[in-house]
PDB file of N, CA and C in Angstrom:
ATOM      1  N   UNK A   1     -10.447   2.876   5.186  1.00  0.00           N
ATOM      2  CA  UNK A   1     -11.397   3.637   4.424  1.00  0.00           C
ATOM      3  C   UNK A   1     -11.122   3.438   2.932  1.00  0.00           C
ATOM      4  N   UNK A   2     -12.162   3.131   2.178  1.00  0.00           N
ATOM      5  CA  UNK A   2     -12.015   2.887   0.756  1.00  0.00           C
ATOM      6  C   UNK A   2     -11.977   4.193  -0.019  1.00  0.00           C
ATOM      7  N   UNK A   3     -11.342   4.120  -1.165  1.00  0.00           N
ATOM      8  CA  UNK A   3     -11.299   5.314  -1.995  1.00  0.00           C
ATOM      9  C   UNK A   3     -12.674   5.586  -2.592  1.00  0.00           C
ATOM     10  N   UNK A   4     -12.878   6.817  -2.985  1.00  0.00           N
ATOM     11  CA  UNK A   4     -14.147   7.227  -3.582  1.00  0.00           C
ATOM     12  C   UNK A   4     -14.399   6.458  -4.873  1.00  0.00           C
ATOM     13  N   UNK A   5     -13.336   6.180  -5.637  1.00  0.00           N
ATOM     14  CA  UNK A   5     -13.491   5.453  -6.889  1.00  0.00           C
ATOM     15  C   UNK A   5     -14.030   4.048  -6.660  1.00  0.00           C
ATOM     16  N   UNK A   6     -13.500   3.359  -5.660  1.00  0.00           N
ATOM     17  CA  UNK A   6     -13.967   2.000  -5.363  1.00  0.00           C
ATOM     18  C   UNK A   6     -15.415   2.040  -4.904  1.00  0.00           C
ATOM     19  N   UNK A   7     -15.728   2.958  -4.007  1.00  0.00           N
ATOM     20  CA  UNK A   7     -17.102   3.065  -3.520  1.00  0.00           C
ATOM     21  C   UNK A   7     -18.073   3.330  -4.666  1.00  0.00           C
ATOM     22  N   UNK A   8     -17.723   4.224  -5.574  1.00  0.00           N
ATOM     23  CA  UNK A   8     -18.640   4.551  -6.666  1.00  0.00           C
ATOM     24  C   UNK A   8     -18.817   3.367  -7.616  1.00  0.00           C
ATOM     25  N   UNK A   9     -17.754   2.603  -7.856  1.00  0.00           N
ATOM     26  CA  UNK A   9     -17.865   1.429  -8.717  1.00  0.00           C
ATOM     27  C   UNK A   9     -18.745   0.348  -8.098  1.00  0.00           C
ATOM     28  N   UNK A  10     -18.574   0.116  -6.800  1.00  0.00           N
ATOM     29  CA  UNK A  10     -19.411  -0.882  -6.117  1.00  0.00           C
ATOM     30  C   UNK A  10     -20.860  -0.435  -6.143  1.00  0.00           C
ATOM     31  N   UNK A  11     -21.100   0.831  -5.890  1.00  0.00           N
ATOM     32  CA  UNK A  11     -22.475   1.357  -5.895  1.00  0.00           C
ATOM     33  C   UNK A  11     -23.088   1.263  -7.289  1.00  0.00           C
ATOM     34  N   UNK A  12     -22.300   1.554  -8.306  1.00  0.00           N
ATOM     35  CA  UNK A  12     -22.785   1.503  -9.686  1.00  0.00           C
ATOM     36  C   UNK A  12     -23.174   0.078 -10.077  1.00  0.00           C
ATOM     37  N   UNK A  13     -22.348  -0.887  -9.694  1.00  0.00           N
ATOM     38  CA  UNK A  13     -22.583  -2.277 -10.091  1.00  0.00           C
ATOM     39  C   UNK A  13     -23.556  -3.018  -9.180  1.00  0.00           C
ATOM     40  N   UNK A  14     -23.754  -2.523  -7.972  1.00  0.00           N
ATOM     41  CA  UNK A  14     -24.630  -3.183  -7.003  1.00  0.00           C
ATOM     42  C   UNK A  14     -25.435  -2.139  -6.239  1.00  0.00           C
ATOM     43  N   UNK A  15     -26.338  -1.444  -6.904  1.00  0.00           N
ATOM     44  CA  UNK A  15     -27.027  -0.319  -6.256  1.00  0.00           C
ATOM     45  C   UNK A  15     -27.888  -0.707  -5.056  1.00  0.00           C
ATOM     46  N   UNK A  16     -28.381  -1.934  -5.009  1.00  0.00           N
ATOM     47  CA  UNK A  16     -29.285  -2.315  -3.927  1.00  0.00           C
ATOM     48  C   UNK A  16     -28.566  -2.712  -2.638  1.00  0.00           C
ATOM     49  N   UNK A  17     -27.442  -3.384  -2.773  1.00  0.00           N
ATOM     50  CA  UNK A  17     -26.766  -3.871  -1.566  1.00  0.00           C
ATOM     51  C   UNK A  17     -25.306  -3.429  -1.468  1.00  0.00           C
ATOM     52  N   UNK A  18     -25.003  -2.257  -2.033  1.00  0.00           N
ATOM     53  CA  UNK A  18     -23.606  -1.818  -2.031  1.00  0.00           C
ATOM     54  C   UNK A  18     -23.067  -1.579  -0.626  1.00  0.00           C
ATOM     55  N   UNK A  19     -23.891  -1.142   0.308  1.00  0.00           N
ATOM     56  CA  UNK A  19     -23.402  -0.901   1.677  1.00  0.00           C
ATOM     57  C   UNK A  19     -22.975  -2.207   2.336  1.00  0.00           C
ATOM     58  N   UNK A  20     -23.725  -3.274   2.100  1.00  0.00           N
ATOM     59  CA  UNK A  20     -23.353  -4.583   2.652  1.00  0.00           C
ATOM     60  C   UNK A  20     -22.052  -5.084   2.040  1.00  0.00           C
ATOM     61  N   UNK A  21     -21.902  -4.869   0.751  1.00  0.00           N
ATOM     62  CA  UNK A  21     -20.675  -5.298   0.069  1.00  0.00           C
ATOM     63  C   UNK A  21     -19.477  -4.527   0.599  1.00  0.00           C
ATOM     64  N   UNK A  22     -19.611  -3.225   0.725  1.00  0.00           N
ATOM     65  CA  UNK A  22     -18.510  -2.408   1.248  1.00  0.00           C
ATOM     66  C   UNK A  22     -18.137  -2.829   2.665  1.00  0.00           C
ATOM     67  N   UNK A  23     -19.156  -3.125   3.482  1.00  0.00           N
ATOM     68  CA  UNK A  23     -18.897  -3.526   4.867  1.00  0.00           C
ATOM     69  C   UNK A  23     -18.195  -4.878   4.946  1.00  0.00           C
ATOM     70  N   UNK A  24     -18.396  -5.724   3.936  1.00  0.00           N
ATOM     71  CA  UNK A  24     -17.801  -7.060   3.970  1.00  0.00           C
ATOM     72  C   UNK A  24     -16.362  -7.093   3.463  1.00  0.00           C
ATOM     73  N   UNK A  25     -15.912  -6.029   2.806  1.00  0.00           N
ATOM     74  CA  UNK A  25     -14.552  -6.010   2.286  1.00  0.00           C
ATOM     75  C   UNK A  25     -13.531  -5.903   3.423  1.00  0.00           C
ATOM     76  N   UNK A  26     -12.450  -6.658   3.318  1.00  0.00           N
ATOM     77  CA  UNK A  26     -11.427  -6.570   4.375  1.00  0.00           C
ATOM     78  C   UNK A  26     -10.681  -5.241   4.303  1.00  0.00           C
ATOM     79  N   UNK A  27     -10.116  -4.849   5.412  1.00  0.00           N
ATOM     80  CA  UNK A  27      -9.300  -3.643   5.468  1.00  0.00           C
ATOM     81  C   UNK A  27      -7.912  -3.969   4.927  1.00  0.00           C
ATOM     82  N   UNK A  28      -7.529  -3.311   3.838  1.00  0.00           N
ATOM     83  CA  UNK A  28      -6.218  -3.585   3.260  1.00  0.00           C
ATOM     84  C   UNK A  28      -5.106  -3.321   4.267  1.00  0.00           C
ATOM     85  N   UNK A  29      -5.214  -2.226   4.999  1.00  0.00           N
ATOM     86  CA  UNK A  29      -4.146  -1.856   5.936  1.00  0.00           C
ATOM     87  C   UNK A  29      -3.938  -2.919   7.007  1.00  0.00           C
ATOM     88  N   UNK A  30      -5.007  -3.494   7.506  1.00  0.00           N
ATOM     89  CA  UNK A  30      -4.892  -4.541   8.528  1.00  0.00           C
ATOM     90  C   UNK A  30      -4.403  -5.839   7.897  1.00  0.00           C
ATOM     91  N   UNK A  31      -5.024  -6.233   6.794  1.00  0.00           N
ATOM     92  CA  UNK A  31      -4.658  -7.481   6.134  1.00  0.00           C
ATOM     93  C   UNK A  31      -3.236  -7.431   5.590  1.00  0.00           C
ATOM     94  N   UNK A  32      -2.819  -6.264   5.130  1.00  0.00           N
ATOM     95  CA  UNK A  32      -1.459  -6.136   4.620  1.00  0.00           C
ATOM     96  C   UNK A  32      -0.447  -6.429   5.712  1.00  0.00           C
ATOM     97  N   UNK A  33      -0.656  -5.912   6.897  1.00  0.00           N
ATOM     98  CA  UNK A  33       0.294  -6.132   7.998  1.00  0.00           C
ATOM     99  C   UNK A  33       0.435  -7.619   8.302  1.00  0.00           C
ATOM    100  N   UNK A  34      -0.673  -8.332   8.302  1.00  0.00           N
ATOM    101  CA  UNK A  34      -0.639  -9.777   8.543  1.00  0.00           C
ATOM    102  C   UNK A  34       0.123 -10.467   7.415  1.00  0.00           C
ATOM    103  N   UNK A  35      -0.233 -10.119   6.181  1.00  0.00           N
ATOM    104  CA  UNK A  35       0.406 -10.711   5.001  1.00  0.00           C
ATOM    105  C   UNK A  35       1.908 -10.427   5.009  1.00  0.00           C
ATOM    106  N   UNK A  36       2.278  -9.192   5.277  1.00  0.00           N
ATOM    107  CA  UNK A  36       3.692  -8.800   5.286  1.00  0.00           C
ATOM    108  C   UNK A  36       4.487  -9.630   6.292  1.00  0.00           C
ATOM    109  N   UNK A  37       3.942  -9.789   7.470  1.00  0.00           N
ATOM    110  CA  UNK A  37       4.635 -10.560   8.511  1.00  0.00           C
ATOM    111  C   UNK A  37       4.823 -12.011   8.096  1.00  0.00           C
ATOM    112  N   UNK A  38       3.796 -12.592   7.496  1.00  0.00           N
ATOM    113  CA  UNK A  38       3.881 -13.993   7.072  1.00  0.00           C
ATOM    114  C   UNK A  38       4.870 -14.175   5.923  1.00  0.00           C
ATOM    115  N   UNK A  39       4.836 -13.277   4.955  1.00  0.00           N
ATOM    116  CA  UNK A  39       5.742 -13.391   3.811  1.00  0.00           C
ATOM    117  C   UNK A  39       7.179 -13.149   4.246  1.00  0.00           C
ATOM    118  N   UNK A  40       7.374 -12.250   5.180  1.00  0.00           N
ATOM    119  CA  UNK A  40       8.722 -11.968   5.675  1.00  0.00           C
ATOM    120  C   UNK A  40       9.343 -13.215   6.298  1.00  0.00           C
ATOM    121  N   UNK A  41       8.550 -13.943   7.070  1.00  0.00           N
ATOM    122  CA  UNK A  41       9.034 -15.196   7.679  1.00  0.00           C
ATOM    123  C   UNK A  41       9.338 -16.220   6.587  1.00  0.00           C
ATOM    124  N   UNK A  42       8.468 -16.325   5.615  1.00  0.00           N
ATOM    125  CA  UNK A  42       8.662 -17.264   4.518  1.00  0.00           C
ATOM    126  C   UNK A  42       9.931 -16.953   3.734  1.00  0.00           C
ATOM    127  N   UNK A  43      10.126 -15.690   3.399  1.00  0.00           N
ATOM    128  CA  UNK A  43      11.331 -15.305   2.667  1.00  0.00           C
ATOM    129  C   UNK A  43      12.593 -15.538   3.477  1.00  0.00           C
ATOM    130  N   UNK A  44      12.503 -15.342   4.768  1.00  0.00           N
ATOM    131  CA  UNK A  44      13.667 -15.576   5.637  1.00  0.00           C
ATOM    132  C   UNK A  44      14.100 -17.036   5.558  1.00  0.00           C
ATOM    133  N   UNK A  45      13.134 -17.925   5.383  1.00  0.00           N
ATOM    134  CA  UNK A  45      13.445 -19.356   5.305  1.00  0.00           C
ATOM    135  C   UNK A  45      13.849 -19.793   3.902  1.00  0.00           C
ATOM    136  N   UNK A  46      13.169 -19.261   2.888  1.00  0.00           N
ATOM    137  CA  UNK A  46      13.354 -19.778   1.534  1.00  0.00           C
ATOM    138  C   UNK A  46      14.235 -18.921   0.631  1.00  0.00           C
ATOM    139  N   UNK A  47      14.182 -17.614   0.790  1.00  0.00           N
ATOM    140  CA  UNK A  47      14.938 -16.700  -0.078  1.00  0.00           C
ATOM    141  C   UNK A  47      15.614 -15.614   0.762  1.00  0.00           C
ATOM    142  N   UNK A  48      16.438 -16.021   1.674  1.00  0.00           N
ATOM    143  CA  UNK A  48      17.035 -15.080   2.611  1.00  0.00           C
ATOM    144  C   UNK A  48      17.814 -13.969   1.902  1.00  0.00           C
ATOM    145  N   UNK A  49      18.393 -14.271   0.754  1.00  0.00           N
ATOM    146  CA  UNK A  49      19.156 -13.252   0.040  1.00  0.00           C
ATOM    147  C   UNK A  49      18.263 -12.164  -0.564  1.00  0.00           C
ATOM    148  N   UNK A  50      16.947 -12.363  -0.609  1.00  0.00           N
ATOM    149  CA  UNK A  50      16.028 -11.349  -1.133  1.00  0.00           C
ATOM    150  C   UNK A  50      15.221 -10.651  -0.038  1.00  0.00           C
ATOM    151  N   UNK A  51      15.403 -11.074   1.183  1.00  0.00           N
ATOM    152  CA  UNK A  51      14.636 -10.510   2.299  1.00  0.00           C
ATOM    153  C   UNK A  51      14.848  -9.001   2.436  1.00  0.00           C
ATOM    154  N   UNK A  52      16.078  -8.546   2.336  1.00  0.00           N
ATOM    155  CA  UNK A  52      16.352  -7.108   2.456  1.00  0.00           C
ATOM    156  C   UNK A  52      15.644  -6.303   1.366  1.00  0.00           C
ATOM    157  N   UNK A  53      15.584  -6.853   0.164  1.00  0.00           N
ATOM    158  CA  UNK A  53      14.882  -6.173  -0.929  1.00  0.00           C
ATOM    159  C   UNK A  53      13.395  -6.051  -0.616  1.00  0.00           C
ATOM    160  N   UNK A  54      12.817  -7.111  -0.096  1.00  0.00           N
ATOM    161  CA  UNK A  54      11.397  -7.120   0.259  1.00  0.00           C
ATOM    162  C   UNK A  54      11.106  -6.086   1.347  1.00  0.00           C
ATOM    163  N   UNK A  55      11.934  -6.062   2.371  1.00  0.00           N
ATOM    164  CA  UNK A  55      11.755  -5.131   3.493  1.00  0.00           C
ATOM    165  C   UNK A  55      11.953  -3.690   3.027  1.00  0.00           C
ATOM    166  N   UNK A  56      12.877  -3.468   2.130  1.00  0.00           N
ATOM    167  CA  UNK A  56      13.160  -2.111   1.632  1.00  0.00           C
ATOM    168  C   UNK A  56      11.941  -1.505   0.920  1.00  0.00           C
ATOM    169  N   UNK A  57      11.099  -2.337   0.336  1.00  0.00           N
ATOM    170  CA  UNK A  57       9.876  -1.842  -0.304  1.00  0.00           C
ATOM    171  C   UNK A  57       8.843  -1.401   0.727  1.00  0.00           C
ATOM    172  N   UNK A  58       8.983  -1.870   1.957  1.00  0.00           N
ATOM    173  CA  UNK A  58       8.062  -1.510   3.033  1.00  0.00           C
ATOM    174  C   UNK A  58       8.555  -0.316   3.846  1.00  0.00           C
ATOM    175  N   UNK A  59       9.796  -0.394   4.280  1.00  0.00           N
ATOM    176  CA  UNK A  59      10.323   0.598   5.229  1.00  0.00           C
ATOM    177  C   UNK A  59      10.739   1.889   4.542  1.00  0.00           C
ATOM    178  N   UNK A  60      10.350   2.994   5.177  1.00  0.00           N
ATOM    179  CA  UNK A  60      10.821   4.281   4.668  1.00  0.00           C
ATOM    180  C   UNK A  60      12.287   4.440   5.059  1.00  0.00           C
ATOM    181  N   UNK A  61      13.066   5.116   4.233  1.00  0.00           N
ATOM    182  CA  UNK A  61      14.488   5.306   4.549  1.00  0.00           C
ATOM    183  C   UNK A  61      14.667   6.084   5.861  1.00  0.00           C
ATOM    184  N   UNK A  62      15.710   5.759   6.565  1.00  0.00           N
ATOM    185  CA  UNK A  62      15.986   6.455   7.829  1.00  0.00           C
ATOM    186  C   UNK A  62      16.203   7.948   7.585  1.00  0.00           C
ATOM    187  N   UNK A  63      16.877   8.247   6.491  1.00  0.00           N
ATOM    188  CA  UNK A  63      17.143   9.646   6.137  1.00  0.00           C
ATOM    189  C   UNK A  63      16.655   9.882   4.715  1.00  0.00           C
ATOM    190  N   UNK A  64      15.765  10.842   4.562  1.00  0.00           N
ATOM    191  CA  UNK A  64      15.352  11.283   3.226  1.00  0.00           C
ATOM    192  C   UNK A  64      15.021  12.762   3.319  1.00  0.00           C
ATOM    193  N   UNK A  65      15.493  13.506   2.341  1.00  0.00           N
ATOM    194  CA  UNK A  65      15.314  14.951   2.362  1.00  0.00           C
ATOM    195  C   UNK A  65      13.914  15.359   1.942  1.00  0.00           C
ATOM    196  N   UNK A  66      13.325  14.591   1.041  1.00  0.00           N
ATOM    197  CA  UNK A  66      11.967  14.877   0.610  1.00  0.00           C
ATOM    198  C   UNK A  66      11.263  13.558   0.298  1.00  0.00           C
ATOM    199  N   UNK A  67       9.980  13.635   0.102  1.00  0.00           N
ATOM    200  CA  UNK A  67       9.194  12.450  -0.214  1.00  0.00           C
ATOM    201  C   UNK A  67       8.639  12.633  -1.611  1.00  0.00           C
ATOM    202  N   UNK A  68       8.925  11.665  -2.460  1.00  0.00           N
ATOM    203  CA  UNK A  68       8.473  11.725  -3.843  1.00  0.00           C
ATOM    204  C   UNK A  68       7.922  10.357  -4.236  1.00  0.00           C
ATOM    205  N   UNK A  69       7.430  10.270  -5.449  1.00  0.00           N
ATOM    206  CA  UNK A  69       6.904   9.014  -5.957  1.00  0.00           C
ATOM    207  C   UNK A  69       7.968   7.922  -5.902  1.00  0.00           C
ATOM    208  N   UNK A  70       9.222   8.290  -6.136  1.00  0.00           N
ATOM    209  CA  UNK A  70      10.310   7.311  -6.184  1.00  0.00           C
ATOM    210  C   UNK A  70      10.653   6.727  -4.820  1.00  0.00           C
ATOM    211  N   UNK A  71      10.453   7.478  -3.733  1.00  0.00           N
ATOM    212  CA  UNK A  71      10.849   6.950  -2.427  1.00  0.00           C
ATOM    213  C   UNK A  71       9.668   6.786  -1.456  1.00  0.00           C
ATOM    214  N   UNK A  72       8.458   6.851  -1.970  1.00  0.00           N
ATOM    215  CA  UNK A  72       7.257   6.592  -1.164  1.00  0.00           C
ATOM    216  C   UNK A  72       7.194   5.084  -0.929  1.00  0.00           C
ATOM    217  N   UNK A  73       6.995   4.665   0.302  1.00  0.00           N
ATOM    218  CA  UNK A  73       7.020   3.242   0.660  1.00  0.00           C
ATOM    219  C   UNK A  73       5.688   2.794   1.246  1.00  0.00           C
ATOM    220  N   UNK A  74       5.536   1.499   1.407  1.00  0.00           N
ATOM    221  CA  UNK A  74       4.311   0.940   1.979  1.00  0.00           C
ATOM    222  C   UNK A  74       4.064   1.497   3.382  1.00  0.00           C
ATOM    223  N   UNK A  75       5.102   1.703   4.134  1.00  0.00           N
ATOM    224  CA  UNK A  75       4.970   2.274   5.476  1.00  0.00           C
ATOM    225  C   UNK A  75       4.327   3.663   5.409  1.00  0.00           C
ATOM    226  N   UNK A  76       4.679   4.444   4.412  1.00  0.00           N
ATOM    227  CA  UNK A  76       4.063   5.759   4.217  1.00  0.00           C
ATOM    228  C   UNK A  76       2.574   5.610   3.939  1.00  0.00           C
ATOM    229  N   UNK A  77       2.231   4.649   3.076  1.00  0.00           N
ATOM    230  CA  UNK A  77       0.827   4.406   2.757  1.00  0.00           C
ATOM    231  C   UNK A  77       0.043   4.017   4.010  1.00  0.00           C
ATOM    232  N   UNK A  78       0.591   3.104   4.789  1.00  0.00           N
ATOM    233  CA  UNK A  78      -0.108   2.624   5.979  1.00  0.00           C
ATOM    234  C   UNK A  78      -0.312   3.734   7.006  1.00  0.00           C
ATOM    235  N   UNK A  79       0.548   4.734   6.976  1.00  0.00           N
ATOM    236  CA  UNK A  79       0.398   5.880   7.875  1.00  0.00           C
ATOM    237  C   UNK A  79      -0.485   6.964   7.266  1.00  0.00           C
ATOM    238  N   UNK A  80      -0.943   6.749   6.032  1.00  0.00           N
ATOM    239  CA  UNK A  80      -1.825   7.718   5.384  1.00  0.00           C
ATOM    240  C   UNK A  80      -1.116   8.963   4.894  1.00  0.00           C
ATOM    241  N   UNK A  81       0.167   8.854   4.601  1.00  0.00           N
ATOM    242  CA  UNK A  81       0.955  10.022   4.206  1.00  0.00           C
ATOM    243  C   UNK A  81       0.607  10.502   2.802  1.00  0.00           C
ATOM    244  N   UNK A  82       0.369  11.793   2.693  1.00  0.00           N
ATOM    245  CA  UNK A  82       0.156  12.457   1.409  1.00  0.00           C
ATOM    246  C   UNK A  82       0.917  13.771   1.468  1.00  0.00           C
ATOM    247  N   UNK A  83       1.686  14.057   0.452  1.00  0.00           N
ATOM    248  CA  UNK A  83       2.507  15.267   0.426  1.00  0.00           C
ATOM    249  C   UNK A  83       1.897  16.247  -0.567  1.00  0.00           C
ATOM    250  N   UNK A  84       1.669  17.469  -0.086  1.00  0.00           N
ATOM    251  CA  UNK A  84       1.137  18.531  -0.938  1.00  0.00           C
ATOM    252  C   UNK A  84       2.086  19.720  -0.898  1.00  0.00           C
ATOM    253  N   UNK A  85       1.859  20.661  -1.831  1.00  0.00           N
ATOM    254  CA  UNK A  85       2.730  21.834  -1.901  1.00  0.00           C
ATOM    255  C   UNK A  85       1.879  23.076  -2.141  1.00  0.00           C
ATOM    256  N   UNK A  86       2.258  24.162  -1.492  1.00  0.00           N
ATOM    257  CA  UNK A  86       1.665  25.458  -1.753  1.00  0.00           C
ATOM    258  C   UNK A  86       0.278  25.673  -1.170  1.00  0.00           C
ATOM    259  N   UNK A  87      -0.219  26.870  -1.396  1.00  0.00           N
ATOM    260  CA  UNK A  87      -1.528  27.278  -0.885  1.00  0.00           C
ATOM    261  C   UNK A  87      -2.652  26.455  -1.492  1.00  0.00           C
ATOM    262  N   UNK A  88      -2.493  26.104  -2.744  1.00  0.00           N
ATOM    263  CA  UNK A  88      -3.510  25.309  -3.443  1.00  0.00           C
ATOM    264  C   UNK A  88      -3.435  23.827  -3.076  1.00  0.00           C
ATOM    265  N   UNK A  89      -2.455  23.475  -2.264  1.00  0.00           N
ATOM    266  CA  UNK A  89      -2.251  22.089  -1.829  1.00  0.00           C
ATOM    267  C   UNK A  89      -2.141  21.135  -3.021  1.00  0.00           C
ATOM    268  N   UNK A  90      -1.263  21.511  -3.950  1.00  0.00           N
ATOM    269  CA  UNK A  90      -1.002  20.663  -5.112  1.00  0.00           C
ATOM    270  C   UNK A  90      -0.413  19.340  -4.626  1.00  0.00           C
ATOM    271  N   UNK A  91      -1.009  18.252  -5.015  1.00  0.00           N
ATOM    272  CA  UNK A  91      -0.575  16.932  -4.568  1.00  0.00           C
ATOM    273  C   UNK A  91       0.731  16.541  -5.245  1.00  0.00           C
ATOM    274  N   UNK A  92       1.720  16.211  -4.433  1.00  0.00           N
ATOM    275  CA  UNK A  92       3.023  15.767  -4.921  1.00  0.00           C
ATOM    276  C   UNK A  92       3.057  14.249  -4.991  1.00  0.00           C
ATOM    277  N   UNK A  93       2.647  13.619  -3.911  1.00  0.00           N
ATOM    278  CA  UNK A  93       2.631  12.159  -3.846  1.00  0.00           C
ATOM    279  C   UNK A  93       1.600  11.717  -2.811  1.00  0.00           C
ATOM    280  N   UNK A  94       1.014  10.571  -3.058  1.00  0.00           N
ATOM    281  CA  UNK A  94      -0.006  10.055  -2.150  1.00  0.00           C
ATOM    282  C   UNK A  94      -0.079   8.540  -2.206  1.00  0.00           C
ATOM    283  N   UNK A  95      -1.141   7.981  -1.690  1.00  0.00           N
ATOM    284  CA  UNK A  95      -1.273   6.536  -1.557  1.00  0.00           C
ATOM    285  C   UNK A  95      -1.086   5.738  -2.849  1.00  0.00           C
ATOM    286  N   UNK A  96      -1.440   6.318  -3.977  1.00  0.00           N
ATOM    287  CA  UNK A  96      -1.294   5.583  -5.240  1.00  0.00           C
ATOM    288  C   UNK A  96       0.163   5.227  -5.535  1.00  0.00           C
ATOM    289  N   UNK A  97       1.106   5.929  -4.923  1.00  0.00           N
ATOM    290  CA  UNK A  97       2.526   5.638  -5.115  1.00  0.00           C
ATOM    291  C   UNK A  97       2.925   4.324  -4.462  1.00  0.00           C
ATOM    292  N   UNK A  98       2.103   3.792  -3.578  1.00  0.00           N
ATOM    293  CA  UNK A  98       2.408   2.521  -2.918  1.00  0.00           C
ATOM    294  C   UNK A  98       2.068   1.326  -3.794  1.00  0.00           C
ATOM    295  N   UNK A  99       1.260   1.523  -4.825  1.00  0.00           N
ATOM    296  CA  UNK A  99       0.848   0.393  -5.671  1.00  0.00           C
ATOM    297  C   UNK A  99       2.043  -0.318  -6.305  1.00  0.00           C
ATOM    298  N   UNK A 100       2.992   0.400  -6.932  1.00  0.00           N
ATOM    299  CA  UNK A 100       4.147  -0.309  -7.493  1.00  0.00           C
ATOM    300  C   UNK A 100       4.971  -1.033  -6.432  1.00  0.00           C
ATOM    301  N   UNK A 101       5.054  -0.448  -5.242  1.00  0.00           N
ATOM    302  CA  UNK A 101       5.802  -1.106  -4.159  1.00  0.00           C
ATOM    303  C   UNK A 101       5.151  -2.448  -3.814  1.00  0.00           C
ATOM    304  N   UNK A 102       3.831  -2.428  -3.672  1.00  0.00           N
ATOM    305  CA  UNK A 102       3.104  -3.648  -3.335  1.00  0.00           C
ATOM    306  C   UNK A 102       3.200  -4.669  -4.470  1.00  0.00           C
ATOM    307  N   UNK A 103       3.094  -4.214  -5.701  1.00  0.00           N
ATOM    308  CA  UNK A 103       3.211  -5.132  -6.835  1.00  0.00           C
ATOM    309  C   UNK A 103       4.581  -5.803  -6.858  1.00  0.00           C
ATOM    310  N   UNK A 104       5.610  -5.054  -6.527  1.00  0.00           N
ATOM    311  CA  UNK A 104       6.948  -5.642  -6.468  1.00  0.00           C
ATOM    312  C   UNK A 104       7.044  -6.662  -5.346  1.00  0.00           C
ATOM    313  N   UNK A 105       6.423  -6.355  -4.213  1.00  0.00           N
ATOM    314  CA  UNK A 105       6.438  -7.321  -3.111  1.00  0.00           C
ATOM    315  C   UNK A 105       5.716  -8.605  -3.516  1.00  0.00           C
ATOM    316  N   UNK A 106       4.624  -8.479  -4.227  1.00  0.00           N
ATOM    317  CA  UNK A 106       3.890  -9.668  -4.669  1.00  0.00           C
ATOM    318  C   UNK A 106       4.745 -10.576  -5.552  1.00  0.00           C
ATOM    319  N   UNK A 107       5.630  -9.978  -6.339  1.00  0.00           N
ATOM    320  CA  UNK A 107       6.461 -10.801  -7.230  1.00  0.00           C
ATOM    321  C   UNK A 107       7.410 -11.698  -6.454  1.00  0.00           C
ATOM    322  N   UNK A 108       7.712 -11.363  -5.218  1.00  0.00           N
ATOM    323  CA  UNK A 108       8.583 -12.228  -4.420  1.00  0.00           C
ATOM    324  C   UNK A 108       7.946 -13.598  -4.205  1.00  0.00           C
ATOM    325  N   UNK A 109       6.634 -13.664  -4.257  1.00  0.00           N
ATOM    326  CA  UNK A 109       5.947 -14.938  -4.053  1.00  0.00           C
ATOM    327  C   UNK A 109       5.956 -15.796  -5.302  1.00  0.00           C
ATOM    328  N   UNK A 110       6.361 -15.222  -6.423  1.00  0.00           N
ATOM    329  CA  UNK A 110       6.398 -15.994  -7.660  1.00  0.00           C
ATOM    330  C   UNK A 110       7.806 -16.440  -8.003  1.00  0.00           C
ATOM    331  N   UNK A 111       8.783 -16.063  -7.207  1.00  0.00           N
ATOM    332  CA  UNK A 111      10.168 -16.453  -7.488  1.00  0.00           C
ATOM    333  C   UNK A 111      10.391 -17.930  -7.227  1.00  0.00           C
TER     334      UNK A 111
END
C-alpha cells in the first residue's frame, strides 16, 4: 500500500490516469525481499567481511527493550510496525525510520 503523500503527488501530476500509474508501480515490500536476497548472495561472494553489517540493517535485534528511530530495522518496516504512545497515540516511530536503513544498504552496492 502506497503512502498518502505518494498517491496525492501521482494524482496531482497525472489527474487523468493516476489509477493506472498507481496500479503499475511495483510493491516495495515484495521487490525488497527479492533484492535483499540477491544482494546478500552477492555480498557473501564479493564482500564477505561486510555481510554481517548488511544483514544487521535488516534484522531486528533478538533482544531490545524498546523500539525507537535508532533501532528500527527493515524487518520492522516489512511487518508494518509503528509504535505509538498514550491515549492520543502519539507516534514514536514508524515506516519512515526504515529509509536510512535502506539507504545504508544501497551503499553496499557502491563499495
